[in-house]
N, C-alpha and C. Protein backbone atom coordinates (compact mmCIF):
# COMPACT_ATOMS: atom_id res chain seq x y z
N MET A 1 49.71 152.49 129.24
CA MET A 1 49.04 151.76 128.12
C MET A 1 47.99 150.83 128.60
N THR A 2 46.81 150.86 128.19
CA THR A 2 45.63 150.15 128.60
C THR A 2 45.69 148.79 127.97
N THR A 3 44.91 147.85 128.74
CA THR A 3 44.88 146.50 128.19
C THR A 3 44.55 146.28 126.71
N THR A 4 43.58 147.12 126.27
CA THR A 4 43.19 147.08 124.90
C THR A 4 44.24 147.60 124.03
N ASP A 5 45.03 148.52 124.31
CA ASP A 5 46.18 149.05 123.55
C ASP A 5 47.23 147.92 123.28
N ARG A 6 47.28 146.94 124.04
CA ARG A 6 48.28 145.94 123.97
C ARG A 6 48.27 145.15 122.76
N SER A 7 47.11 145.17 122.04
CA SER A 7 47.08 144.46 120.72
C SER A 7 47.79 145.11 119.68
N LEU A 8 48.28 146.30 119.78
CA LEU A 8 49.10 146.90 118.89
C LEU A 8 50.55 146.81 119.16
N GLU A 9 50.91 146.17 120.15
CA GLU A 9 52.39 146.15 120.54
C GLU A 9 53.03 145.11 119.54
N PRO A 10 54.28 145.35 119.02
CA PRO A 10 54.96 144.35 118.20
C PRO A 10 55.52 143.27 119.01
N SER A 11 55.37 142.04 118.60
CA SER A 11 55.72 140.80 119.27
C SER A 11 57.13 140.66 119.46
N LYS A 12 58.10 141.12 118.66
CA LYS A 12 59.57 140.98 118.84
C LYS A 12 60.05 139.77 119.00
N VAL A 13 59.57 138.59 118.39
CA VAL A 13 60.15 137.25 118.55
C VAL A 13 61.25 137.11 117.55
N GLY A 14 61.28 137.89 116.47
CA GLY A 14 62.21 137.52 115.53
C GLY A 14 63.58 137.39 115.78
N ARG A 15 64.14 138.39 116.70
CA ARG A 15 65.52 138.48 116.84
C ARG A 15 66.05 137.01 117.59
N ARG A 16 65.14 136.70 118.54
CA ARG A 16 65.53 135.41 119.31
C ARG A 16 65.51 134.16 118.43
N LEU A 17 64.52 134.05 117.52
CA LEU A 17 64.52 133.00 116.62
C LEU A 17 65.72 133.07 115.53
N ARG A 18 65.99 134.13 115.11
CA ARG A 18 67.23 134.37 114.18
C ARG A 18 68.39 133.93 114.92
N GLU A 19 68.59 134.34 116.10
CA GLU A 19 69.89 134.09 116.89
C GLU A 19 69.95 132.62 117.00
N GLU A 20 68.93 131.84 117.40
CA GLU A 20 69.19 130.42 117.70
C GLU A 20 69.31 129.64 116.21
N ARG A 21 68.56 130.12 115.32
CA ARG A 21 68.82 129.52 113.99
C ARG A 21 70.27 129.56 113.55
N GLU A 22 70.83 130.85 113.75
CA GLU A 22 72.24 131.04 113.37
C GLU A 22 73.25 130.29 114.17
N ARG A 23 72.95 130.18 115.51
CA ARG A 23 73.82 129.56 116.50
C ARG A 23 73.79 128.12 116.10
N ARG A 24 72.73 127.47 115.60
CA ARG A 24 72.74 126.02 115.13
C ARG A 24 73.16 125.91 113.79
N GLY A 25 73.45 126.94 113.11
CA GLY A 25 74.12 126.76 111.80
C GLY A 25 73.09 126.16 110.72
N VAL A 26 71.78 126.60 111.00
CA VAL A 26 70.70 126.19 110.07
C VAL A 26 70.36 127.37 109.10
N SER A 27 70.34 127.18 107.77
CA SER A 27 70.00 128.16 106.96
C SER A 27 68.45 128.43 107.05
N LEU A 28 68.17 129.86 106.65
CA LEU A 28 66.70 130.24 106.58
C LEU A 28 65.93 129.27 105.77
N ARG A 29 66.39 128.80 104.63
CA ARG A 29 65.86 128.00 103.76
C ARG A 29 65.48 126.58 104.21
N GLU A 30 66.47 126.21 104.97
CA GLU A 30 66.35 124.85 105.51
C GLU A 30 65.44 124.84 106.66
N LEU A 31 65.45 125.92 107.57
CA LEU A 31 64.45 125.96 108.68
C LEU A 31 63.01 125.99 108.16
N ALA A 32 62.73 126.81 107.02
CA ALA A 32 61.56 126.93 106.36
C ALA A 32 61.06 125.56 105.80
N ARG A 33 61.94 124.74 105.24
CA ARG A 33 61.71 123.52 104.78
C ARG A 33 61.22 122.48 105.94
N ARG A 34 61.91 122.56 107.01
CA ARG A 34 61.66 121.61 108.20
C ARG A 34 60.27 121.87 108.70
N VAL A 35 59.78 123.23 108.82
CA VAL A 35 58.55 123.55 109.47
C VAL A 35 57.38 123.65 108.54
N GLY A 36 57.69 123.54 107.05
CA GLY A 36 56.82 123.45 106.12
C GLY A 36 56.11 124.91 105.80
N VAL A 37 56.92 125.88 105.71
CA VAL A 37 56.56 127.18 105.47
C VAL A 37 57.63 127.81 104.32
N SER A 38 57.26 128.84 103.78
CA SER A 38 58.01 129.48 102.80
C SER A 38 59.31 130.24 103.43
N PRO A 39 60.58 130.26 102.87
CA PRO A 39 61.61 131.07 103.36
C PRO A 39 61.26 132.52 103.48
N SER A 40 60.42 132.99 102.53
CA SER A 40 60.08 134.48 102.80
C SER A 40 59.25 134.66 104.11
N LEU A 41 58.46 133.80 104.45
CA LEU A 41 57.64 133.88 105.64
C LEU A 41 58.61 133.98 106.89
N VAL A 42 59.57 132.95 106.90
CA VAL A 42 60.47 132.92 108.00
C VAL A 42 61.26 134.20 108.09
N SER A 43 61.72 134.72 106.91
CA SER A 43 62.56 135.89 106.86
C SER A 43 61.67 137.13 107.54
N GLN A 44 60.36 137.28 107.14
CA GLN A 44 59.49 138.24 107.56
C GLN A 44 59.29 138.11 109.07
N ILE A 45 59.21 136.91 109.56
CA ILE A 45 59.00 136.80 110.94
C ILE A 45 60.20 137.08 111.74
N GLU A 46 61.45 136.76 111.17
CA GLU A 46 62.74 137.12 111.90
C GLU A 46 62.94 138.57 111.91
N LEU A 47 62.34 139.26 110.96
CA LEU A 47 62.53 140.73 110.88
C LEU A 47 61.37 141.43 111.53
N ASP A 48 60.46 140.69 112.24
CA ASP A 48 59.32 141.12 113.01
C ASP A 48 58.45 142.15 112.00
N ARG A 49 58.44 141.69 110.87
CA ARG A 49 57.52 142.28 109.92
C ARG A 49 56.10 141.68 109.75
N VAL A 50 56.21 140.38 110.23
CA VAL A 50 54.98 139.66 110.17
C VAL A 50 54.86 138.87 111.44
N ASN A 51 53.57 138.87 112.03
CA ASN A 51 53.29 138.02 113.30
C ASN A 51 52.97 136.50 112.83
N PRO A 52 53.77 135.66 113.36
CA PRO A 52 53.45 134.25 113.03
C PRO A 52 52.09 133.83 113.55
N SER A 53 51.58 132.69 112.93
CA SER A 53 50.48 132.14 113.58
C SER A 53 50.85 131.27 114.82
N VAL A 54 49.87 130.88 115.44
CA VAL A 54 50.24 129.98 116.67
C VAL A 54 51.04 128.83 116.23
N SER A 55 50.55 128.11 115.15
CA SER A 55 50.91 126.90 114.71
C SER A 55 52.44 127.05 114.22
N THR A 56 52.61 128.04 113.46
CA THR A 56 53.90 128.44 112.92
C THR A 56 54.92 128.75 114.03
N LEU A 57 54.50 129.52 114.95
CA LEU A 57 55.42 129.85 116.09
C LEU A 57 55.77 128.62 116.84
N TYR A 58 54.90 127.65 117.21
CA TYR A 58 55.08 126.39 118.00
C TYR A 58 56.20 125.67 117.01
N ALA A 59 55.85 125.57 115.75
CA ALA A 59 56.83 124.76 114.84
C ALA A 59 58.23 125.37 114.91
N LEU A 60 58.41 126.61 114.90
CA LEU A 60 59.62 127.18 114.82
C LEU A 60 60.36 127.06 116.15
N VAL A 61 59.72 127.22 117.21
CA VAL A 61 60.20 127.10 118.57
C VAL A 61 60.56 125.63 118.84
N THR A 62 59.82 124.71 118.30
CA THR A 62 60.16 123.30 118.60
C THR A 62 61.37 122.86 117.80
N GLU A 63 61.48 123.29 116.52
CA GLU A 63 62.56 122.87 115.64
C GLU A 63 63.82 123.59 116.10
N LEU A 64 63.83 124.59 116.87
CA LEU A 64 65.02 125.29 117.25
C LEU A 64 65.26 124.85 118.76
N GLY A 65 64.54 124.01 119.25
CA GLY A 65 64.88 123.69 120.71
C GLY A 65 64.63 124.73 121.62
N LEU A 66 63.70 125.64 121.40
CA LEU A 66 63.38 126.72 122.30
C LEU A 66 62.37 126.35 123.12
N THR A 67 61.98 127.18 124.12
CA THR A 67 60.76 127.08 124.78
C THR A 67 59.86 128.51 124.56
N MET A 68 58.67 128.39 124.87
CA MET A 68 57.94 129.65 124.76
C MET A 68 58.46 130.78 125.66
N SER A 69 58.95 130.34 126.71
CA SER A 69 59.55 131.45 127.69
C SER A 69 60.71 132.05 127.07
N ASP A 70 61.40 131.39 126.21
CA ASP A 70 62.58 131.96 125.43
C ASP A 70 62.21 133.03 124.44
N VAL A 71 61.11 132.88 123.78
CA VAL A 71 60.63 133.86 122.81
C VAL A 71 59.85 134.97 123.50
N PHE A 72 59.21 134.68 124.68
CA PHE A 72 58.56 135.80 125.38
C PHE A 72 59.78 136.83 125.93
N GLY A 73 60.75 136.14 126.44
CA GLY A 73 61.80 137.05 127.02
C GLY A 73 61.41 137.86 128.20
N ASP A 74 62.29 138.62 128.76
CA ASP A 74 62.00 139.47 129.80
C ASP A 74 62.50 140.87 129.53
N GLU A 75 62.60 141.26 128.28
CA GLU A 75 63.11 142.65 127.84
C GLU A 75 61.69 143.56 128.01
N THR A 76 61.80 144.64 128.38
CA THR A 76 60.71 145.50 128.57
C THR A 76 60.96 146.86 127.85
N GLN A 77 59.89 147.45 127.24
CA GLN A 77 60.13 148.82 126.65
C GLN A 77 59.23 149.79 127.55
N ARG A 78 59.41 149.83 128.76
CA ARG A 78 58.56 150.60 129.52
C ARG A 78 59.19 152.14 129.68
N GLU A 79 58.33 153.12 129.81
CA GLU A 79 58.87 154.36 130.04
C GLU A 79 59.79 154.50 131.33
N PRO A 80 60.93 155.30 131.24
CA PRO A 80 61.80 155.31 132.44
C PRO A 80 61.04 155.78 133.67
N GLN A 81 61.43 155.19 134.71
CA GLN A 81 60.90 155.52 136.08
C GLN A 81 61.76 155.82 137.05
N ILE A 82 61.34 156.59 138.15
CA ILE A 82 62.24 156.99 139.13
C ILE A 82 62.81 155.66 139.88
N VAL A 83 64.15 155.68 139.87
CA VAL A 83 64.83 154.47 140.54
C VAL A 83 64.51 154.35 141.95
N ARG A 84 64.00 153.19 142.33
CA ARG A 84 63.65 152.94 143.73
C ARG A 84 63.71 151.50 143.94
N ALA A 85 63.89 151.07 145.22
CA ALA A 85 64.08 149.57 145.58
C ALA A 85 62.82 148.91 145.28
N LYS A 86 63.04 147.71 144.73
CA LYS A 86 61.92 146.86 144.44
C LYS A 86 61.50 146.01 145.60
N THR A 87 60.25 145.80 145.86
CA THR A 87 59.79 144.98 147.08
C THR A 87 59.73 143.61 146.57
N GLU A 88 59.70 142.72 147.37
CA GLU A 88 59.54 141.23 147.05
C GLU A 88 58.21 141.10 146.25
N LYS A 89 57.12 141.84 146.78
CA LYS A 89 55.78 141.71 146.14
C LYS A 89 55.77 142.01 144.74
N GLU A 90 56.60 143.27 144.30
CA GLU A 90 56.65 143.55 142.94
C GLU A 90 57.35 142.48 142.04
N GLY A 91 58.20 141.84 142.58
CA GLY A 91 58.73 140.76 141.76
C GLY A 91 57.99 139.57 141.64
N LEU A 92 56.90 139.52 142.30
CA LEU A 92 56.10 138.29 142.11
C LEU A 92 54.80 138.63 141.26
N VAL A 93 54.65 139.84 140.99
CA VAL A 93 53.31 140.24 140.36
C VAL A 93 53.45 140.67 138.97
N ALA A 94 52.48 140.34 138.05
CA ALA A 94 52.46 140.94 136.80
C ALA A 94 51.11 141.58 136.56
N THR A 95 51.11 142.72 136.07
CA THR A 95 49.92 143.52 135.97
C THR A 95 49.49 143.72 134.56
N PRO A 96 48.38 144.04 134.03
CA PRO A 96 48.05 144.31 132.70
C PRO A 96 49.02 145.28 131.83
N GLU A 97 49.56 146.17 132.68
CA GLU A 97 50.50 147.04 132.11
C GLU A 97 51.87 146.61 131.91
N THR A 98 52.23 145.67 132.77
CA THR A 98 53.67 145.25 132.71
C THR A 98 53.94 143.83 132.03
N ARG A 99 52.81 143.02 131.96
CA ARG A 99 53.25 141.75 131.60
C ARG A 99 53.53 141.56 129.92
N SER A 100 54.36 140.66 129.71
CA SER A 100 54.80 140.41 128.35
C SER A 100 53.73 139.96 127.45
N VAL A 101 53.62 140.52 126.12
CA VAL A 101 52.65 140.22 125.23
C VAL A 101 53.30 139.67 123.95
N LEU A 102 52.57 138.75 123.34
CA LEU A 102 52.93 138.32 121.92
C LEU A 102 51.65 138.38 121.22
N ASN A 103 51.67 139.16 120.09
CA ASN A 103 50.60 139.37 119.21
C ASN A 103 50.99 138.46 117.91
N LEU A 104 50.00 137.57 117.67
CA LEU A 104 50.11 136.65 116.67
C LEU A 104 49.29 136.81 115.41
N ALA A 105 49.31 136.03 114.40
CA ALA A 105 48.49 136.21 113.25
C ALA A 105 46.99 135.98 113.57
N SER A 106 46.23 136.65 112.69
CA SER A 106 44.66 136.62 112.90
C SER A 106 44.31 137.32 114.07
N GLY A 107 45.13 138.19 114.73
CA GLY A 107 44.71 139.08 115.87
C GLY A 107 44.80 138.23 117.21
N VAL A 108 45.31 136.94 117.24
CA VAL A 108 45.30 136.28 118.42
C VAL A 108 46.57 136.99 119.32
N ARG A 109 46.16 137.00 120.68
CA ARG A 109 47.10 137.75 121.53
C ARG A 109 47.38 136.83 122.70
N TRP A 110 48.58 136.66 123.09
CA TRP A 110 48.96 135.84 124.44
C TRP A 110 49.59 136.86 125.28
N GLU A 111 49.04 136.92 126.60
CA GLU A 111 49.74 137.77 127.61
C GLU A 111 50.26 136.82 128.68
N ARG A 112 51.52 137.00 128.99
CA ARG A 112 52.06 136.04 129.96
C ARG A 112 51.75 136.50 131.41
N LEU A 113 51.23 135.71 132.14
CA LEU A 113 50.68 135.92 133.43
C LEU A 113 51.73 135.72 134.61
N THR A 114 52.98 135.25 134.21
CA THR A 114 53.97 135.11 135.18
C THR A 114 54.91 136.36 135.07
N PRO A 115 55.42 137.03 136.10
CA PRO A 115 56.36 138.36 135.89
C PRO A 115 57.57 137.92 135.09
N GLN A 116 58.01 136.77 135.22
CA GLN A 116 59.41 136.47 134.49
C GLN A 116 59.14 135.09 133.78
N SER A 117 60.00 134.88 132.80
CA SER A 117 59.88 133.56 132.05
C SER A 117 59.99 132.24 133.04
N ASP A 118 59.25 131.30 132.72
CA ASP A 118 59.25 130.15 133.55
C ASP A 118 59.29 128.93 132.57
N PRO A 119 60.32 128.30 132.54
CA PRO A 119 60.56 127.28 131.49
C PRO A 119 59.70 125.92 131.81
N GLU A 120 59.07 125.93 133.03
CA GLU A 120 58.22 124.73 133.37
C GLU A 120 56.75 124.88 133.04
N VAL A 121 56.32 126.07 132.89
CA VAL A 121 54.91 126.35 132.68
C VAL A 121 54.64 127.57 131.90
N GLU A 122 53.60 127.54 130.92
CA GLU A 122 53.14 128.74 130.33
C GLU A 122 51.78 129.07 130.90
N PHE A 123 51.73 130.20 131.52
CA PHE A 123 50.56 130.71 132.19
C PHE A 123 50.10 131.91 131.44
N LEU A 124 48.93 131.90 130.61
CA LEU A 124 48.74 132.94 129.65
C LEU A 124 47.25 133.27 129.84
N HIS A 125 47.12 134.64 129.48
CA HIS A 125 45.85 135.20 129.26
C HIS A 125 45.65 135.33 127.77
N VAL A 126 44.74 134.61 127.14
CA VAL A 126 44.80 134.51 125.59
C VAL A 126 43.47 135.26 125.12
N VAL A 127 43.62 135.87 123.97
CA VAL A 127 42.45 136.54 123.39
C VAL A 127 42.25 136.20 121.94
N TYR A 128 41.31 135.64 121.49
CA TYR A 128 40.90 135.19 120.11
C TYR A 128 39.98 136.14 119.58
N PRO A 129 40.25 137.11 118.74
CA PRO A 129 39.22 138.04 118.14
C PRO A 129 38.24 137.23 117.34
N VAL A 130 37.22 137.92 116.87
CA VAL A 130 36.24 137.26 115.93
C VAL A 130 37.11 136.94 114.65
N GLY A 131 36.80 135.58 114.31
CA GLY A 131 37.49 135.12 113.03
C GLY A 131 38.98 134.56 113.53
N GLY A 132 39.41 134.69 114.74
CA GLY A 132 40.77 134.22 115.09
C GLY A 132 40.85 132.84 115.25
N GLU A 133 42.06 132.15 115.06
CA GLU A 133 42.26 130.76 115.13
C GLU A 133 43.70 130.51 115.33
N SER A 134 44.00 129.36 115.98
CA SER A 134 45.31 129.09 116.32
C SER A 134 46.07 128.50 115.03
N CYS A 135 45.32 127.95 114.10
CA CYS A 135 45.78 127.38 112.83
C CYS A 135 44.72 127.19 111.98
N SER A 136 44.99 126.75 110.70
CA SER A 136 43.90 126.49 109.75
C SER A 136 43.49 125.08 109.92
N GLU A 137 42.29 124.82 109.39
CA GLU A 137 41.60 123.51 109.66
C GLU A 137 42.41 122.36 109.27
N ASP A 138 43.40 122.61 108.20
CA ASP A 138 44.21 121.49 107.76
C ASP A 138 45.57 121.46 108.34
N ALA A 139 45.89 122.22 109.46
CA ALA A 139 47.25 122.24 109.98
C ALA A 139 47.29 122.36 111.55
N LEU A 140 46.71 121.14 112.01
CA LEU A 140 46.62 121.14 113.48
C LEU A 140 47.96 121.10 114.26
N VAL A 141 48.02 121.63 115.37
CA VAL A 141 49.22 121.80 116.24
C VAL A 141 49.45 120.53 117.04
N THR A 142 50.70 120.23 117.30
CA THR A 142 51.11 119.11 118.24
C THR A 142 52.37 119.66 118.85
N HIS A 143 52.60 119.46 120.23
CA HIS A 143 53.90 119.75 120.89
C HIS A 143 53.88 118.98 122.26
N GLY A 144 54.89 119.24 123.04
CA GLY A 144 54.99 118.44 124.23
C GLY A 144 54.10 119.03 125.38
N GLY A 145 53.86 118.47 126.37
CA GLY A 145 53.15 118.88 127.61
C GLY A 145 51.71 118.58 127.67
N ARG A 146 51.02 119.26 128.59
CA ARG A 146 49.55 119.09 128.80
C ARG A 146 48.93 120.47 128.99
N GLU A 147 47.66 120.62 128.36
CA GLU A 147 47.11 121.98 128.49
C GLU A 147 45.87 121.96 129.19
N TYR A 148 45.68 123.17 129.80
CA TYR A 148 44.45 123.43 130.69
C TYR A 148 43.92 124.78 130.26
N GLY A 149 42.68 124.86 129.96
CA GLY A 149 42.17 126.11 129.49
C GLY A 149 40.77 126.27 130.14
N TYR A 150 40.46 127.63 130.36
CA TYR A 150 39.23 128.11 131.02
C TYR A 150 38.77 129.39 130.32
N VAL A 151 37.47 129.27 129.81
CA VAL A 151 36.96 130.37 129.00
C VAL A 151 36.30 131.40 129.90
N SER A 152 36.57 132.66 129.83
CA SER A 152 36.01 133.59 130.71
C SER A 152 34.95 134.44 129.90
N SER A 153 35.05 134.53 128.59
CA SER A 153 34.05 135.24 127.77
C SER A 153 34.15 134.82 126.28
N GLY A 154 33.03 134.90 125.53
CA GLY A 154 33.02 134.40 124.26
C GLY A 154 32.87 132.88 124.15
N THR A 155 32.91 132.52 122.90
CA THR A 155 32.65 130.97 122.65
C THR A 155 33.89 130.46 121.83
N LEU A 156 34.60 129.42 122.36
CA LEU A 156 35.71 128.89 121.71
C LEU A 156 35.61 127.48 121.31
N GLY A 157 35.92 127.23 120.06
CA GLY A 157 35.93 125.95 119.59
C GLY A 157 37.24 125.36 119.71
N VAL A 158 37.32 124.12 120.18
CA VAL A 158 38.58 123.27 120.37
C VAL A 158 38.40 121.95 119.67
N ARG A 159 39.33 121.66 118.88
CA ARG A 159 39.47 120.33 118.23
C ARG A 159 40.61 119.62 118.89
N VAL A 160 40.41 118.33 119.45
CA VAL A 160 41.51 117.57 119.87
C VAL A 160 41.31 116.32 119.12
N GLY A 161 42.34 115.84 118.37
CA GLY A 161 42.35 114.71 117.50
C GLY A 161 40.99 114.71 116.65
N PHE A 162 40.20 113.89 116.68
CA PHE A 162 39.03 113.86 115.83
C PHE A 162 37.75 114.34 116.52
N ASP A 163 37.78 114.91 117.80
CA ASP A 163 36.67 115.32 118.55
C ASP A 163 36.64 116.90 118.64
N GLU A 164 35.55 117.56 118.52
CA GLU A 164 35.42 119.03 118.55
C GLU A 164 34.45 119.38 119.78
N TYR A 165 34.88 120.32 120.44
CA TYR A 165 34.16 120.88 121.62
C TYR A 165 33.95 122.44 121.42
N VAL A 166 32.68 122.83 122.11
CA VAL A 166 32.38 124.21 122.16
C VAL A 166 32.40 124.61 123.55
N LEU A 167 33.19 125.60 123.86
CA LEU A 167 33.55 126.07 125.20
C LEU A 167 32.80 127.49 125.47
N GLY A 168 31.89 127.63 126.19
CA GLY A 168 31.26 129.02 126.37
C GLY A 168 31.93 129.53 127.77
N PRO A 169 31.59 130.64 128.18
CA PRO A 169 32.00 131.16 129.51
C PRO A 169 31.84 130.30 130.65
N GLY A 170 32.89 130.17 131.40
CA GLY A 170 32.80 129.24 132.48
C GLY A 170 33.24 127.80 132.32
N ALA A 171 33.36 127.36 130.88
CA ALA A 171 33.73 126.02 130.60
C ALA A 171 35.24 125.92 130.66
N SER A 172 35.68 124.69 130.92
CA SER A 172 37.23 124.50 130.77
C SER A 172 37.49 123.16 130.10
N ILE A 173 38.83 122.91 129.83
CA ILE A 173 39.08 121.70 129.05
C ILE A 173 40.61 121.35 129.50
N ALA A 174 40.96 120.21 129.34
CA ALA A 174 42.27 119.64 129.70
C ALA A 174 42.68 118.55 128.59
N PHE A 175 43.81 118.55 128.15
CA PHE A 175 44.17 117.62 127.02
C PHE A 175 45.67 117.54 126.91
N ASP A 176 46.14 116.24 126.39
CA ASP A 176 47.49 116.18 126.02
C ASP A 176 47.88 117.00 124.86
N SER A 177 48.92 117.67 124.85
CA SER A 177 49.27 118.64 123.73
C SER A 177 49.87 117.95 122.58
N SER A 178 50.27 116.51 122.94
CA SER A 178 50.77 115.65 121.75
C SER A 178 49.64 115.47 120.79
N SER A 179 48.42 115.52 121.24
CA SER A 179 47.23 115.31 120.35
C SER A 179 47.10 116.46 119.39
N PRO A 180 46.92 116.09 118.12
CA PRO A 180 46.66 117.33 117.12
C PRO A 180 45.49 118.17 117.64
N HIS A 181 45.63 119.53 117.69
CA HIS A 181 44.58 120.27 118.26
C HIS A 181 44.66 121.68 117.46
N ARG A 182 43.40 122.33 117.71
CA ARG A 182 43.19 123.56 117.11
C ARG A 182 42.21 124.34 117.86
N LEU A 183 42.33 125.74 117.92
CA LEU A 183 41.42 126.56 118.66
C LEU A 183 40.80 127.67 117.70
N TRP A 184 39.70 128.09 117.99
CA TRP A 184 39.13 129.08 117.01
C TRP A 184 37.92 129.72 117.76
N THR A 185 37.55 130.95 117.37
CA THR A 185 36.45 131.77 117.85
C THR A 185 35.21 131.25 117.14
N ILE A 186 34.25 131.13 117.88
CA ILE A 186 32.84 130.77 117.30
C ILE A 186 32.00 132.07 117.54
N GLY A 187 31.22 132.51 116.69
CA GLY A 187 30.34 133.66 116.73
C GLY A 187 30.95 134.96 116.54
N ASP A 188 30.32 135.93 116.99
CA ASP A 188 30.64 137.37 116.73
C ASP A 188 31.19 138.11 118.03
N GLU A 189 31.63 137.22 118.93
CA GLU A 189 32.33 138.00 120.19
C GLU A 189 33.73 137.36 120.41
N PRO A 190 34.59 138.30 120.66
CA PRO A 190 35.98 137.83 120.88
C PRO A 190 36.05 136.77 122.14
N VAL A 191 37.11 135.95 122.17
CA VAL A 191 37.12 134.99 123.20
C VAL A 191 38.45 135.44 124.17
N CYS A 192 38.03 135.40 125.45
CA CYS A 192 39.21 135.63 126.46
C CYS A 192 39.22 134.38 127.25
N ALA A 193 40.44 133.90 127.54
CA ALA A 193 40.51 132.60 128.21
C ALA A 193 41.96 132.57 128.98
N ILE A 194 41.96 131.81 130.00
CA ILE A 194 43.16 131.56 130.72
C ILE A 194 43.72 130.30 130.28
N TRP A 195 44.87 130.20 129.86
CA TRP A 195 45.50 128.90 129.36
C TRP A 195 46.76 128.62 130.02
N VAL A 196 47.05 127.43 130.30
CA VAL A 196 48.19 126.82 131.06
C VAL A 196 48.68 125.59 130.28
N VAL A 197 50.05 125.74 129.94
CA VAL A 197 50.67 124.45 129.46
C VAL A 197 51.76 124.14 130.24
N ILE A 198 51.77 122.95 130.78
CA ILE A 198 52.85 122.36 131.55
C ILE A 198 53.55 121.41 130.80
N GLY A 199 54.90 121.40 130.96
CA GLY A 199 55.77 120.40 130.28
C GLY A 199 55.99 120.71 128.74
N ARG A 200 55.72 121.90 128.33
CA ARG A 200 56.03 122.23 126.93
C ARG A 200 57.33 121.98 126.59
N ALA A 201 58.27 122.10 127.39
CA ALA A 201 59.74 121.97 126.99
C ALA A 201 60.25 120.46 126.91
N ALA A 202 59.30 119.67 127.10
CA ALA A 202 59.63 118.14 127.18
C ALA A 202 60.13 117.57 125.78
N ASP A 203 59.99 118.31 124.66
CA ASP A 203 60.22 117.79 123.38
C ASP A 203 61.09 118.63 122.42
N PRO A 204 61.81 119.57 123.15
CA PRO A 204 62.70 120.37 122.10
C PRO A 204 63.59 119.46 121.41
N ARG A 205 63.75 119.66 120.04
CA ARG A 205 64.63 118.96 119.33
C ARG A 205 66.09 119.55 119.42
N THR A 206 67.03 118.59 119.12
CA THR A 206 68.46 119.04 119.29
C THR A 206 69.19 118.96 117.97
């Protein structure tokens, strides 16, 4: 499967979200109330029929006390391969064909750049298509940790608090994730960027 084909892969985050919700004894309706969305949307996300937006996924993960590593998981649906011993190098490397992918609403795609889940850091290749956004203008995201981003192509708009920034190719940004923020594509070219979030797990709710 090529890198471009990966936008068609199902995200498969629903099962993990549903398992944790049920483990905590939280009803679907109550979870929806807590994160400010409809019960039908949560149901569709849990059934993997709808890709959540970035902001909705963050809200669900935070409310359930999970990390993004938890919802990425390490399950793979790769074609069977000849069994052979793995080298140490293979265990350290993620390639475009093997790395875990989350496809989100409005065509946003996150590809995890670590070969396995890492609860301490989110190291991502992110793609925002034309018209793509992390959340609507009136629903900024907040969560624990600190973010670092580098734009490799396209033009990315970033709002942090009351300030807005325009990041072209080669531009980078760093900010506290507890500040309300939003990302979106500017112009008619998709955005590709490298994104790192450190300390995201600092605020899971119990």
